[in-house]
Amino acid sequence: LLLGMIEFRVDDFKAEFGYVLARDAW
């Protein structure tokens, strides 16, 4: 079952994360 997504972006020496989850998986 697809629950959501997660992503990270790298900027030089650091990474920043974002994510989203379907409500029934909270």
mmCIF file of all heavy atoms, coordinates in Angstrom:
data_MODEL
# 
_entry.id   MODEL 
# 
loop_
_atom_site.group_PDB 
_atom_site.id 
_atom_site.type_symbol 
_atom_site.label_atom_id 
_atom_site.label_alt_id 
_atom_site.label_comp_id 
_atom_site.label_asym_id 
_atom_site.label_entity_id 
_atom_site.label_seq_id 
_atom_site.pdbx_PDB_ins_code 
_atom_site.Cartn_x 
_atom_site.Cartn_y 
_atom_site.Cartn_z 
_atom_site.occupancy 
_atom_site.B_iso_or_equiv 
_atom_site.pdbx_formal_charge 
_atom_site.auth_seq_id 
_atom_site.auth_comp_id 
_atom_site.auth_asym_id 
_atom_site.auth_atom_id 
_atom_site.pdbx_PDB_model_num 
ATOM 1   N N   . LEU A 1 1  ? 0.835  -1.201 0.000  1.00 0.00 ? 1  LEU A N   1 
ATOM 2   C CA  . LEU A 1 1  ? 0.000  0.000  0.000  1.00 0.00 ? 1  LEU A CA  1 
ATOM 3   C C   . LEU A 1 1  ? 0.872  1.254  0.000  1.00 0.00 ? 1  LEU A C   1 
ATOM 4   O O   . LEU A 1 1  ? 1.786  1.386  0.827  1.00 0.00 ? 1  LEU A O   1 
ATOM 5   C CB  . LEU A 1 1  ? -0.916 0.015  1.231  1.00 0.00 ? 1  LEU A CB  1 
ATOM 6   C CG  . LEU A 1 1  ? -1.854 1.221  1.346  1.00 0.00 ? 1  LEU A CG  1 
ATOM 7   C CD1 . LEU A 1 1  ? -2.888 1.219  0.218  1.00 0.00 ? 1  LEU A CD1 1 
ATOM 8   C CD2 . LEU A 1 1  ? -2.543 1.229  2.706  1.00 0.00 ? 1  LEU A CD2 1 
ATOM 9   N N   . LEU A 1 2  ? 0.587  2.168  -0.924 1.00 0.00 ? 2  LEU A N   1 
ATOM 10  C CA  . LEU A 1 2  ? 1.288  3.443  -0.972 1.00 0.00 ? 2  LEU A CA  1 
ATOM 11  C C   . LEU A 1 2  ? 0.817  4.298  0.205  1.00 0.00 ? 2  LEU A C   1 
ATOM 12  O O   . LEU A 1 2  ? -0.370 4.562  0.339  1.00 0.00 ? 2  LEU A O   1 
ATOM 13  C CB  . LEU A 1 2  ? 1.020  4.138  -2.303 1.00 0.00 ? 2  LEU A CB  1 
ATOM 14  C CG  . LEU A 1 2  ? 1.886  5.348  -2.605 1.00 0.00 ? 2  LEU A CG  1 
ATOM 15  C CD1 . LEU A 1 2  ? 2.090  5.493  -4.103 1.00 0.00 ? 2  LEU A CD1 1 
ATOM 16  C CD2 . LEU A 1 2  ? 1.303  6.614  -2.032 1.00 0.00 ? 2  LEU A CD2 1 
ATOM 17  N N   . LEU A 1 3  ? 1.766  4.692  1.050  1.00 0.00 ? 3  LEU A N   1 
ATOM 18  C CA  . LEU A 1 3  ? 1.441  5.454  2.264  1.00 0.00 ? 3  LEU A CA  1 
ATOM 19  C C   . LEU A 1 3  ? 1.693  6.944  2.119  1.00 0.00 ? 3  LEU A C   1 
ATOM 20  O O   . LEU A 1 3  ? 1.036  7.756  2.759  1.00 0.00 ? 3  LEU A O   1 
ATOM 21  C CB  . LEU A 1 3  ? 2.253  4.927  3.446  1.00 0.00 ? 3  LEU A CB  1 
ATOM 22  C CG  . LEU A 1 3  ? 2.070  3.458  3.795  1.00 0.00 ? 3  LEU A CG  1 
ATOM 23  C CD1 . LEU A 1 3  ? 3.031  3.050  4.901  1.00 0.00 ? 3  LEU A CD1 1 
ATOM 24  C CD2 . LEU A 1 3  ? 0.623  3.176  4.194  1.00 0.00 ? 3  LEU A CD2 1 
ATOM 25  N N   . GLY A 1 4  ? 2.681  7.320  1.315  1.00 0.00 ? 4  GLY A N   1 
ATOM 26  C CA  . GLY A 1 4  ? 3.033  8.721  1.175  1.00 0.00 ? 4  GLY A CA  1 
ATOM 27  C C   . GLY A 1 4  ? 4.347  8.864  0.443  1.00 0.00 ? 4  GLY A C   1 
ATOM 28  O O   . GLY A 1 4  ? 4.764  7.960  -0.290 1.00 0.00 ? 4  GLY A O   1 
ATOM 29  N N   . MET A 1 5  ? 4.993  10.009 0.678  1.00 0.00 ? 5  MET A N   1 
ATOM 30  C CA  . MET A 1 5  ? 6.286  10.266 0.051  1.00 0.00 ? 5  MET A CA  1 
ATOM 31  C C   . MET A 1 5  ? 7.192  11.004 1.018  1.00 0.00 ? 5  MET A C   1 
ATOM 32  O O   . MET A 1 5  ? 6.728  11.671 1.940  1.00 0.00 ? 5  MET A O   1 
ATOM 33  C CB  . MET A 1 5  ? 6.130  11.068 -1.240 1.00 0.00 ? 5  MET A CB  1 
ATOM 34  C CG  . MET A 1 5  ? 5.503  10.249 -2.362 1.00 0.00 ? 5  MET A CG  1 
ATOM 35  S SD  . MET A 1 5  ? 5.536  11.067 -3.970 1.00 0.00 ? 5  MET A SD  1 
ATOM 36  C CE  . MET A 1 5  ? 7.281  11.037 -4.350 1.00 0.00 ? 5  MET A CE  1 
ATOM 37  N N   . ILE A 1 6  ? 8.494  10.894 0.756  1.00 0.00 ? 6  ILE A N   1 
ATOM 38  C CA  . ILE A 1 6  ? 9.512  11.602 1.515  1.00 0.00 ? 6  ILE A CA  1 
ATOM 39  C C   . ILE A 1 6  ? 10.575 12.032 0.523  1.00 0.00 ? 6  ILE A C   1 
ATOM 40  O O   . ILE A 1 6  ? 10.838 11.324 -0.463 1.00 0.00 ? 6  ILE A O   1 
ATOM 41  C CB  . ILE A 1 6  ? 10.086 10.730 2.650  1.00 0.00 ? 6  ILE A CB  1 
ATOM 42  C CG1 . ILE A 1 6  ? 11.040 11.534 3.540  1.00 0.00 ? 6  ILE A CG1 1 
ATOM 43  C CG2 . ILE A 1 6  ? 10.740 9.469  2.103  1.00 0.00 ? 6  ILE A CG2 1 
ATOM 44  C CD1 . ILE A 1 6  ? 11.394 10.826 4.843  1.00 0.00 ? 6  ILE A CD1 1 
ATOM 45  N N   . GLU A 1 7  ? 11.162 13.197 0.748  1.00 0.00 ? 7  GLU A N   1 
ATOM 46  C CA  . GLU A 1 7  ? 12.183 13.717 -0.162 1.00 0.00 ? 7  GLU A CA  1 
ATOM 47  C C   . GLU A 1 7  ? 13.261 14.412 0.644  1.00 0.00 ? 7  GLU A C   1 
ATOM 48  O O   . GLU A 1 7  ? 12.987 14.986 1.696  1.00 0.00 ? 7  GLU A O   1 
ATOM 49  C CB  . GLU A 1 7  ? 11.557 14.718 -1.139 1.00 0.00 ? 7  GLU A CB  1 
ATOM 50  C CG  . GLU A 1 7  ? 12.548 15.328 -2.113 1.00 0.00 ? 7  GLU A CG  1 
ATOM 51  C CD  . GLU A 1 7  ? 11.908 16.222 -3.176 1.00 0.00 ? 7  GLU A CD  1 
ATOM 52  O OE1 . GLU A 1 7  ? 10.669 16.352 -3.192 1.00 0.00 ? 7  GLU A OE1 1 
ATOM 53  O OE2 . GLU A 1 7  ? 12.655 16.790 -3.979 1.00 0.00 ? 7  GLU A OE2 1 
ATOM 54  N N   . PHE A 1 8  ? 14.478 14.345 0.138  1.00 0.00 ? 8  PHE A N   1 
ATOM 55  C CA  . PHE A 1 8  ? 15.518 15.212 0.684  1.00 0.00 ? 8  PHE A CA  1 
ATOM 56  C C   . PHE A 1 8  ? 16.256 15.894 -0.449 1.00 0.00 ? 8  PHE A C   1 
ATOM 57  O O   . PHE A 1 8  ? 16.315 15.411 -1.568 1.00 0.00 ? 8  PHE A O   1 
ATOM 58  C CB  . PHE A 1 8  ? 16.466 14.469 1.639  1.00 0.00 ? 8  PHE A CB  1 
ATOM 59  C CG  . PHE A 1 8  ? 17.397 13.473 1.015  1.00 0.00 ? 8  PHE A CG  1 
ATOM 60  C CD1 . PHE A 1 8  ? 18.661 13.846 0.576  1.00 0.00 ? 8  PHE A CD1 1 
ATOM 61  C CD2 . PHE A 1 8  ? 17.017 12.149 0.904  1.00 0.00 ? 8  PHE A CD2 1 
ATOM 62  C CE1 . PHE A 1 8  ? 19.526 12.913 0.023  1.00 0.00 ? 8  PHE A CE1 1 
ATOM 63  C CE2 . PHE A 1 8  ? 17.880 11.207 0.365  1.00 0.00 ? 8  PHE A CE2 1 
ATOM 64  C CZ  . PHE A 1 8  ? 19.141 11.599 -0.085 1.00 0.00 ? 8  PHE A CZ  1 
ATOM 65  N N   . ARG A 1 9  ? 16.735 17.086 -0.131 1.00 0.00 ? 9  ARG A N   1 
ATOM 66  C CA  . ARG A 1 9  ? 17.523 17.895 -1.042 1.00 0.00 ? 9  ARG A CA  1 
ATOM 67  C C   . ARG A 1 9  ? 18.852 18.191 -0.366 1.00 0.00 ? 9  ARG A C   1 
ATOM 68  O O   . ARG A 1 9  ? 18.873 18.506 0.824  1.00 0.00 ? 9  ARG A O   1 
ATOM 69  C CB  . ARG A 1 9  ? 16.798 19.200 -1.357 1.00 0.00 ? 9  ARG A CB  1 
ATOM 70  C CG  . ARG A 1 9  ? 15.512 18.970 -2.153 1.00 0.00 ? 9  ARG A CG  1 
ATOM 71  C CD  . ARG A 1 9  ? 14.522 20.103 -2.071 1.00 0.00 ? 9  ARG A CD  1 
ATOM 72  N NE  . ARG A 1 9  ? 14.000 20.394 -0.744 1.00 0.00 ? 9  ARG A NE  1 
ATOM 73  C CZ  . ARG A 1 9  ? 13.109 19.675 -0.077 1.00 0.00 ? 9  ARG A CZ  1 
ATOM 74  N NH1 . ARG A 1 9  ? 12.638 18.561 -0.602 1.00 0.00 ? 9  ARG A NH1 1 
ATOM 75  N NH2 . ARG A 1 9  ? 12.694 20.035 1.109  1.00 0.00 ? 9  ARG A NH2 1 
ATOM 76  N N   . VAL A 1 10 ? 19.930 18.090 -1.109 1.00 0.00 ? 10 VAL A N   1 
ATOM 77  C CA  . VAL A 1 10 ? 21.260 18.338 -0.563 1.00 0.00 ? 10 VAL A CA  1 
ATOM 78  C C   . VAL A 1 10 ? 21.720 19.720 -1.007 1.00 0.00 ? 10 VAL A C   1 
ATOM 79  O O   . VAL A 1 10 ? 21.617 20.073 -2.182 1.00 0.00 ? 10 VAL A O   1 
ATOM 80  C CB  . VAL A 1 10 ? 22.260 17.256 -1.024 1.00 0.00 ? 10 VAL A CB  1 
ATOM 81  C CG1 . VAL A 1 10 ? 23.668 17.586 -0.558 1.00 0.00 ? 10 VAL A CG1 1 
ATOM 82  C CG2 . VAL A 1 10 ? 21.833 15.890 -0.500 1.00 0.00 ? 10 VAL A CG2 1 
ATOM 83  N N   . ASP A 1 11 ? 22.195 20.485 -0.052 1.00 0.00 ? 11 ASP A N   1 
ATOM 84  C CA  . ASP A 1 11 ? 22.768 21.807 -0.319 1.00 0.00 ? 11 ASP A CA  1 
ATOM 85  C C   . ASP A 1 11 ? 24.141 21.833 0.333  1.00 0.00 ? 11 ASP A C   1 
ATOM 86  O O   . ASP A 1 11 ? 24.244 21.985 1.559  1.00 0.00 ? 11 ASP A O   1 
ATOM 87  C CB  . ASP A 1 11 ? 21.866 22.893 0.253  1.00 0.00 ? 11 ASP A CB  1 
ATOM 88  C CG  . ASP A 1 11 ? 22.425 24.288 0.045  1.00 0.00 ? 11 ASP A CG  1 
ATOM 89  O OD1 . ASP A 1 11 ? 23.329 24.463 -0.795 1.00 0.00 ? 11 ASP A OD1 1 
ATOM 90  O OD2 . ASP A 1 11 ? 21.969 25.216 0.739  1.00 0.00 ? 11 ASP A OD2 1 
ATOM 91  N N   . ASP A 1 12 ? 25.166 21.615 -0.473 1.00 0.00 ? 12 ASP A N   1 
ATOM 92  C CA  . ASP A 1 12 ? 26.548 21.612 -0.002 1.00 0.00 ? 12 ASP A CA  1 
ATOM 93  C C   . ASP A 1 12 ? 26.738 20.516 1.047  1.00 0.00 ? 12 ASP A C   1 
ATOM 94  O O   . ASP A 1 12 ? 26.682 19.348 0.720  1.00 0.00 ? 12 ASP A O   1 
ATOM 95  C CB  . ASP A 1 12 ? 26.926 23.006 0.502  1.00 0.00 ? 12 ASP A CB  1 
ATOM 96  C CG  . ASP A 1 12 ? 28.430 23.211 0.573  1.00 0.00 ? 12 ASP A CG  1 
ATOM 97  O OD1 . ASP A 1 12 ? 29.182 22.412 -0.003 1.00 0.00 ? 12 ASP A OD1 1 
ATOM 98  O OD2 . ASP A 1 12 ? 28.858 24.167 1.238  1.00 0.00 ? 12 ASP A OD2 1 
ATOM 99  N N   . PHE A 1 13 ? 26.855 20.863 2.302  1.00 0.00 ? 13 PHE A N   1 
ATOM 100 C CA  . PHE A 1 13 ? 27.162 19.906 3.374  1.00 0.00 ? 13 PHE A CA  1 
ATOM 101 C C   . PHE A 1 13 ? 25.938 19.536 4.203  1.00 0.00 ? 13 PHE A C   1 
ATOM 102 O O   . PHE A 1 13 ? 26.057 18.889 5.239  1.00 0.00 ? 13 PHE A O   1 
ATOM 103 C CB  . PHE A 1 13 ? 28.243 20.485 4.302  1.00 0.00 ? 13 PHE A CB  1 
ATOM 104 C CG  . PHE A 1 13 ? 27.823 21.784 4.916  1.00 0.00 ? 13 PHE A CG  1 
ATOM 105 C CD1 . PHE A 1 13 ? 27.135 21.805 6.123  1.00 0.00 ? 13 PHE A CD1 1 
ATOM 106 C CD2 . PHE A 1 13 ? 28.081 22.989 4.286  1.00 0.00 ? 13 PHE A CD2 1 
ATOM 107 C CE1 . PHE A 1 13 ? 26.709 23.001 6.695  1.00 0.00 ? 13 PHE A CE1 1 
ATOM 108 C CE2 . PHE A 1 13 ? 27.660 24.192 4.848  1.00 0.00 ? 13 PHE A CE2 1 
ATOM 109 C CZ  . PHE A 1 13 ? 26.978 24.194 6.051  1.00 0.00 ? 13 PHE A CZ  1 
ATOM 110 N N   . LYS A 1 14 ? 24.756 19.936 3.755  1.00 0.00 ? 14 LYS A N   1 
ATOM 111 C CA  . LYS A 1 14 ? 23.551 19.659 4.545  1.00 0.00 ? 14 LYS A CA  1 
ATOM 112 C C   . LYS A 1 14 ? 22.424 19.127 3.666  1.00 0.00 ? 14 LYS A C   1 
ATOM 113 O O   . LYS A 1 14 ? 22.410 19.352 2.467  1.00 0.00 ? 14 LYS A O   1 
ATOM 114 C CB  . LYS A 1 14 ? 23.117 20.902 5.313  1.00 0.00 ? 14 LYS A CB  1 
ATOM 115 C CG  . LYS A 1 14 ? 22.859 22.113 4.464  1.00 0.00 ? 14 LYS A CG  1 
ATOM 116 C CD  . LYS A 1 14 ? 22.648 23.343 5.340  1.00 0.00 ? 14 LYS A CD  1 
ATOM 117 C CE  . LYS A 1 14 ? 22.452 24.592 4.550  1.00 0.00 ? 14 LYS A CE  1 
ATOM 118 N NZ  . LYS A 1 14 ? 23.650 25.160 3.957  1.00 0.00 ? 14 LYS A NZ  1 
ATOM 119 N N   . ALA A 1 15 ? 21.510 18.413 4.311  1.00 0.00 ? 15 ALA A N   1 
ATOM 120 C CA  . ALA A 1 15 ? 20.335 17.872 3.623  1.00 0.00 ? 15 ALA A CA  1 
ATOM 121 C C   . ALA A 1 15 ? 19.084 18.344 4.350  1.00 0.00 ? 15 ALA A C   1 
ATOM 122 O O   . ALA A 1 15 ? 19.057 18.397 5.583  1.00 0.00 ? 15 ALA A O   1 
ATOM 123 C CB  . ALA A 1 15 ? 20.384 16.349 3.605  1.00 0.00 ? 15 ALA A CB  1 
ATOM 124 N N   . GLU A 1 16 ? 18.050 18.682 3.566  1.00 0.00 ? 16 GLU A N   1 
ATOM 125 C CA  . GLU A 1 16 ? 16.777 19.090 4.147  1.00 0.00 ? 16 GLU A CA  1 
ATOM 126 C C   . GLU A 1 16 ? 15.696 18.134 3.673  1.00 0.00 ? 16 GLU A C   1 
ATOM 127 O O   . GLU A 1 16 ? 15.644 17.781 2.497  1.00 0.00 ? 16 GLU A O   1 
ATOM 128 C CB  . GLU A 1 16 ? 16.425 20.517 3.753  1.00 0.00 ? 16 GLU A CB  1 
ATOM 129 C CG  . GLU A 1 16 ? 15.148 20.989 4.446  1.00 0.00 ? 16 GLU A CG  1 
ATOM 130 C CD  . GLU A 1 16 ? 14.896 22.460 4.238  1.00 0.00 ? 16 GLU A CD  1 
ATOM 131 O OE1 . GLU A 1 16 ? 15.417 23.253 5.028  1.00 0.00 ? 16 GLU A OE1 1 
ATOM 132 O OE2 . GLU A 1 16 ? 14.183 22.797 3.270  1.00 0.00 ? 16 GLU A OE2 1 
ATOM 133 N N   . PHE A 1 17 ? 14.842 17.747 4.606  1.00 0.00 ? 17 PHE A N   1 
ATOM 134 C CA  . PHE A 1 17 ? 13.810 16.742 4.365  1.00 0.00 ? 17 PHE A CA  1 
ATOM 135 C C   . PHE A 1 17 ? 12.414 17.351 4.357  1.00 0.00 ? 17 PHE A C   1 
ATOM 136 O O   . PHE A 1 17 ? 12.135 18.301 5.079  1.00 0.00 ? 17 PHE A O   1 
ATOM 137 C CB  . PHE A 1 17 ? 13.865 15.671 5.466  1.00 0.00 ? 17 PHE A CB  1 
ATOM 138 C CG  . PHE A 1 17 ? 15.072 14.801 5.360  1.00 0.00 ? 17 PHE A CG  1 
ATOM 139 C CD1 . PHE A 1 17 ? 16.285 15.212 5.879  1.00 0.00 ? 17 PHE A CD1 1 
ATOM 140 C CD2 . PHE A 1 17 ? 15.003 13.576 4.721  1.00 0.00 ? 17 PHE A CD2 1 
ATOM 141 C CE1 . PHE A 1 17 ? 17.413 14.414 5.767  1.00 0.00 ? 17 PHE A CE1 1 
ATOM 142 C CE2 . PHE A 1 17 ? 16.125 12.775 4.602  1.00 0.00 ? 17 PHE A CE2 1 
ATOM 143 C CZ  . PHE A 1 17 ? 17.332 13.198 5.128  1.00 0.00 ? 17 PHE A CZ  1 
ATOM 144 N N   . GLY A 1 18 ? 11.543 16.747 3.555  1.00 0.00 ? 18 GLY A N   1 
ATOM 145 C CA  . GLY A 1 18 ? 10.127 17.048 3.554  1.00 0.00 ? 18 GLY A CA  1 
ATOM 146 C C   . GLY A 1 18 ? 9.377  15.744 3.349  1.00 0.00 ? 18 GLY A C   1 
ATOM 147 O O   . GLY A 1 18 ? 9.932  14.798 2.770  1.00 0.00 ? 18 GLY A O   1 
ATOM 148 N N   . TYR A 1 19 ? 8.138  15.676 3.818  1.00 0.00 ? 19 TYR A N   1 
ATOM 149 C CA  . TYR A 1 19 ? 7.397  14.426 3.712  1.00 0.00 ? 19 TYR A CA  1 
ATOM 150 C C   . TYR A 1 19 ? 5.909  14.655 3.803  1.00 0.00 ? 19 TYR A C   1 
ATOM 151 O O   . TYR A 1 19 ? 5.454  15.708 4.262  1.00 0.00 ? 19 TYR A O   1 
ATOM 152 C CB  . TYR A 1 19 ? 7.838  13.438 4.796  1.00 0.00 ? 19 TYR A CB  1 
ATOM 153 C CG  . TYR A 1 19 ? 7.950  14.016 6.191  1.00 0.00 ? 19 TYR A CG  1 
ATOM 154 C CD1 . TYR A 1 19 ? 6.827  14.217 6.981  1.00 0.00 ? 19 TYR A CD1 1 
ATOM 155 C CD2 . TYR A 1 19 ? 9.191  14.368 6.714  1.00 0.00 ? 19 TYR A CD2 1 
ATOM 156 C CE1 . TYR A 1 19 ? 6.929  14.746 8.267  1.00 0.00 ? 19 TYR A CE1 1 
ATOM 157 C CE2 . TYR A 1 19 ? 9.303  14.893 7.989  1.00 0.00 ? 19 TYR A CE2 1 
ATOM 158 C CZ  . TYR A 1 19 ? 8.169  15.080 8.763  1.00 0.00 ? 19 TYR A CZ  1 
ATOM 159 O OH  . TYR A 1 19 ? 8.272  15.606 10.028 1.00 0.00 ? 19 TYR A OH  1 
ATOM 160 N N   . VAL A 1 20 ? 5.157  13.650 3.351  1.00 0.00 ? 20 VAL A N   1 
ATOM 161 C CA  . VAL A 1 20 ? 3.699  13.687 3.405  1.00 0.00 ? 20 VAL A CA  1 
ATOM 162 C C   . VAL A 1 20 ? 3.198  12.253 3.538  1.00 0.00 ? 20 VAL A C   1 
ATOM 163 O O   . VAL A 1 20 ? 3.782  11.326 2.978  1.00 0.00 ? 20 VAL A O   1 
ATOM 164 C CB  . VAL A 1 20 ? 3.112  14.382 2.151  1.00 0.00 ? 20 VAL A CB  1 
ATOM 165 C CG1 . VAL A 1 20 ? 3.479  13.642 0.876  1.00 0.00 ? 20 VAL A CG1 1 
ATOM 166 C CG2 . VAL A 1 20 ? 1.606  14.565 2.260  1.00 0.00 ? 20 VAL A CG2 1 
ATOM 167 N N   . LEU A 1 21 ? 2.119  12.091 4.290  1.00 0.00 ? 21 LEU A N   1 
ATOM 168 C CA  . LEU A 1 21 ? 1.582  10.770 4.564  1.00 0.00 ? 21 LEU A CA  1 
ATOM 169 C C   . LEU A 1 21 ? 0.064  10.793 4.426  1.00 0.00 ? 21 LEU A C   1 
ATOM 170 O O   . LEU A 1 21 ? -0.589 11.730 4.904  1.00 0.00 ? 21 LEU A O   1 
ATOM 171 C CB  . LEU A 1 21 ? 1.958  10.383 6.001  1.00 0.00 ? 21 LEU A CB  1 
ATOM 172 C CG  . LEU A 1 21 ? 1.910  8.928  6.418  1.00 0.00 ? 21 LEU A CG  1 
ATOM 173 C CD1 . LEU A 1 21 ? 2.860  8.084  5.582  1.00 0.00 ? 21 LEU A CD1 1 
ATOM 174 C CD2 . LEU A 1 21 ? 2.293  8.811  7.888  1.00 0.00 ? 21 LEU A CD2 1 
ATOM 175 N N   . ALA A 1 22 ? -0.481 9.773  3.785  1.00 0.00 ? 22 ALA A N   1 
ATOM 176 C CA  . ALA A 1 22 ? -1.934 9.645  3.671  1.00 0.00 ? 22 ALA A CA  1 
ATOM 177 C C   . ALA A 1 22 ? -2.545 9.617  5.076  1.00 0.00 ? 22 ALA A C   1 
ATOM 178 O O   . ALA A 1 22 ? -1.972 9.067  6.012  1.00 0.00 ? 22 ALA A O   1 
ATOM 179 C CB  . ALA A 1 22 ? -2.301 8.375  2.909  1.00 0.00 ? 22 ALA A CB  1 
ATOM 180 N N   . ARG A 1 23 ? -3.702 10.217 5.209  1.00 0.00 ? 23 ARG A N   1 
ATOM 181 C CA  . ARG A 1 23 ? -4.329 10.376 6.525  1.00 0.00 ? 23 ARG A CA  1 
ATOM 182 C C   . ARG A 1 23 ? -4.556 9.050  7.246  1.00 0.00 ? 23 ARG A C   1 
ATOM 183 O O   . ARG A 1 23 ? -4.385 8.961  8.457  1.00 0.00 ? 23 ARG A O   1 
ATOM 184 C CB  . ARG A 1 23 ? -5.655 11.123 6.376  1.00 0.00 ? 23 ARG A CB  1 
ATOM 185 C CG  . ARG A 1 23 ? -6.144 11.624 7.704  1.00 0.00 ? 23 ARG A CG  1 
ATOM 186 C CD  . ARG A 1 23 ? -7.459 12.343 7.690  1.00 0.00 ? 23 ARG A CD  1 
ATOM 187 N NE  . ARG A 1 23 ? -7.860 12.952 6.436  1.00 0.00 ? 23 ARG A NE  1 
ATOM 188 C CZ  . ARG A 1 23 ? -8.995 13.598 6.285  1.00 0.00 ? 23 ARG A CZ  1 
ATOM 189 N NH1 . ARG A 1 23 ? -9.819 13.720 7.303  1.00 0.00 ? 23 ARG A NH1 1 
ATOM 190 N NH2 . ARG A 1 23 ? -9.322 14.117 5.131  1.00 0.00 ? 23 ARG A NH2 1 
ATOM 191 N N   . ASP A 1 24 ? -4.913 7.990  6.522  1.00 0.00 ? 24 ASP A N   1 
ATOM 192 C CA  . ASP A 1 24 ? -5.178 6.719  7.198  1.00 0.00 ? 24 ASP A CA  1 
ATOM 193 C C   . ASP A 1 24 ? -3.905 6.040  7.706  1.00 0.00 ? 24 ASP A C   1 
ATOM 194 O O   . ASP A 1 24 ? -3.978 5.035  8.409  1.00 0.00 ? 24 ASP A O   1 
ATOM 195 C CB  . ASP A 1 24 ? -5.990 5.767  6.310  1.00 0.00 ? 24 ASP A CB  1 
ATOM 196 C CG  . ASP A 1 24 ? -5.256 5.323  5.050  1.00 0.00 ? 24 ASP A CG  1 
ATOM 197 O OD1 . ASP A 1 24 ? -4.068 5.664  4.858  1.00 0.00 ? 24 ASP A OD1 1 
ATOM 198 O OD2 . ASP A 1 24 ? -5.891 4.629  4.236  1.00 0.00 ? 24 ASP A OD2 1 
ATOM 199 N N   . ALA A 1 25 ? -2.747 6.607  7.393  1.00 0.00 ? 25 ALA A N   1 
ATOM 200 C CA  . ALA A 1 25 ? -1.470 6.064  7.881  1.00 0.00 ? 25 ALA A CA  1 
ATOM 201 C C   . ALA A 1 25 ? -0.879 6.905  9.014  1.00 0.00 ? 25 ALA A C   1 
ATOM 202 O O   . ALA A 1 25 ? 0.189  6.574  9.535  1.00 0.00 ? 25 ALA A O   1 
ATOM 203 C CB  . ALA A 1 25 ? -0.477 5.969  6.723  1.00 0.00 ? 25 ALA A CB  1 
ATOM 204 N N   . TRP A 1 26 ? -1.560 7.975  9.390  1.00 0.00 ? 26 TRP A N   1 
ATOM 205 C CA  . TRP A 1 26 ? -1.062 8.838  10.472 1.00 0.00 ? 26 TRP A CA  1 
ATOM 206 C C   . TRP A 1 26 ? -1.045 8.069  11.795 1.00 0.00 ? 26 TRP A C   1 
ATOM 207 O O   . TRP A 1 26 ? -1.905 7.229  12.075 1.00 0.00 ? 26 TRP A O   1 
ATOM 208 C CB  . TRP A 1 26 ? -1.949 10.063 10.640 1.00 0.00 ? 26 TRP A CB  1 
ATOM 209 C CG  . TRP A 1 26 ? -1.870 11.062 9.513  1.00 0.00 ? 26 TRP A CG  1 
ATOM 210 C CD1 . TRP A 1 26 ? -1.069 11.005 8.404  1.00 0.00 ? 26 TRP A CD1 1 
ATOM 211 C CD2 . TRP A 1 26 ? -2.639 12.257 9.380  1.00 0.00 ? 26 TRP A CD2 1 
ATOM 212 N NE1 . TRP A 1 26 ? -1.303 12.093 7.597  1.00 0.00 ? 26 TRP A NE1 1 
ATOM 213 C CE2 . TRP A 1 26 ? -2.257 12.879 8.178  1.00 0.00 ? 26 TRP A CE2 1 
ATOM 214 C CE3 . TRP A 1 26 ? -3.616 12.860 10.166 1.00 0.00 ? 26 TRP A CE3 1 
ATOM 215 C CZ2 . TRP A 1 26 ? -2.815 14.088 7.734  1.00 0.00 ? 26 TRP A CZ2 1 
ATOM 216 C CZ3 . TRP A 1 26 ? -4.167 14.059 9.731  1.00 0.00 ? 26 TRP A CZ3 1 
ATOM 217 C CH2 . TRP A 1 26 ? -3.760 14.666 8.530  1.00 0.00 ? 26 TRP A CH2 1 
# 
